[in-house]
Protein backbone atom coordinates (compact mmCIF):
# COMPACT_ATOMS: atom_id res chain seq x y z
CA MET A 1 -5.10 10.05 8.52
CA LYS A 2 -3.26 6.65 7.27
CA ASN A 3 -4.34 4.26 4.65
CA PHE A 4 -4.51 0.63 5.21
CA ARG A 5 -5.27 -2.37 3.38
CA ILE A 6 -6.23 -5.66 5.46
CA THR A 7 -6.40 -8.87 4.06
CA ALA A 8 -8.42 -11.51 5.94
CA LYS A 9 -10.17 -14.82 5.68
CA TYR A 10 -13.29 -15.89 7.56
CA SER A 11 -15.25 -19.22 7.69
CA LEU A 12 -18.88 -19.48 7.15
CA GLN A 13 -20.92 -22.70 7.06
CA ARG A 14 -17.48 -24.60 6.43
CA LYS A 15 -16.42 -22.46 3.69
CA GLU A 16 -13.51 -20.26 3.74
CA PHE A 17 -13.70 -16.71 2.10
CA ILE A 18 -10.54 -14.59 1.56
CA PHE A 19 -11.00 -10.84 0.98
CA ARG A 20 -9.36 -7.40 1.41
CA LYS A 21 -10.59 -4.22 2.56
CA GLU A 22 -9.26 -0.64 2.21
CA ILE A 23 -9.68 1.60 5.31
CA ARG A 24 -8.83 5.24 6.41
CA ALA A 25 -8.15 5.50 10.00
CA ILE A 26 -6.01 7.70 12.50
CA ASP A 27 -3.96 4.48 13.66
CA LEU A 28 -3.51 0.73 13.14
CA ARG A 29 -5.74 0.02 16.36
CA ARG A 30 -8.69 2.07 15.12
CA ALA A 31 -8.41 0.57 11.45
CA ILE A 32 -8.50 -2.96 12.86
CA GLU A 33 -11.73 -2.01 14.95
CA LYS A 34 -13.37 -0.45 12.03
CA PHE A 35 -12.57 -3.55 9.90
CA TYR A 36 -14.26 -5.72 12.60
CA SER A 37 -17.16 -3.43 12.82
CA ILE A 38 -17.91 -3.49 9.11
CA LEU A 39 -17.86 -7.36 9.17
CA GLY A 40 -19.99 -7.41 12.26
CA SER A 41 -22.70 -5.51 10.32
CA GLN A 42 -22.57 -8.33 7.94
CA LYS A 43 -23.26 -10.85 10.89
CA ILE A 44 -19.65 -12.26 10.88
CA LYS A 45 -18.37 -13.00 14.08
CA ARG A 46 -14.84 -11.73 15.21
CA SER A 47 -13.86 -15.26 16.46
CA SER A 48 -14.36 -16.52 12.88
CA ILE A 49 -12.14 -13.75 11.32
CA ARG A 50 -8.49 -14.56 10.67
CA ILE A 51 -6.36 -11.54 9.61
CA ILE A 52 -3.68 -12.51 7.19
CA LYS A 53 -2.02 -9.27 6.36
CA ILE A 54 -2.17 -5.67 7.26
CA GLU A 55 -0.26 -2.91 5.14
CA GLU A 56 -0.21 0.87 5.08
CA ILE A 57 -0.67 2.10 1.34
CA GLU A 58 -0.32 5.17 -0.36
CA PRO A 59 -3.41 7.20 -1.32
CA THR A 60 -2.80 6.27 -4.98
CA GLU A 61 -2.93 2.64 -4.26
CA PHE A 62 -6.54 2.58 -3.29
CA LYS A 63 -8.81 0.38 -5.46
CA SER A 64 -11.66 2.39 -4.60
CA ARG A 65 -11.89 5.72 -6.61
CA ARG A 66 -14.08 7.29 -4.07
CA LEU A 67 -11.57 6.65 -1.08
CA GLN A 68 -8.76 7.66 -3.50
CA LYS A 69 -10.43 10.96 -4.30
CA ILE A 70 -11.06 11.85 -0.70
CA ALA A 71 -7.40 10.73 0.47
CA LEU A 72 -5.81 12.88 -2.39
CA SER A 73 -7.96 16.11 -1.81
CA LYS A 74 -6.45 18.89 -0.04
CA ASN A 75 -9.64 19.58 2.12
CA PRO A 76 -11.47 16.25 2.37
CA VAL A 77 -15.06 16.78 3.51
CA LEU A 78 -17.22 14.07 4.97
CA TYR A 79 -21.02 14.24 5.17
CA VAL A 80 -22.74 12.71 7.86
CA GLU A 81 -26.58 11.95 7.55
CA GLU A 82 -28.79 12.57 10.55
């Protein structure tokens, strides 16, 4: 698994918002797809999103302690609710 930080901006009602999201994925293509999926669940259209920067980061660089803990563990376990 690789760790990515994606910085992007999107427009909503004539206002621009800049933000970044940290994502764990197998490769860059899947990280971008996951990124769009997360924003799509917030009703933001792909056409209004502009990716500014994508960088691969080390597990210690995560801002989210939860993701950092998963990335640094030797046997990460993910729970799926059914």
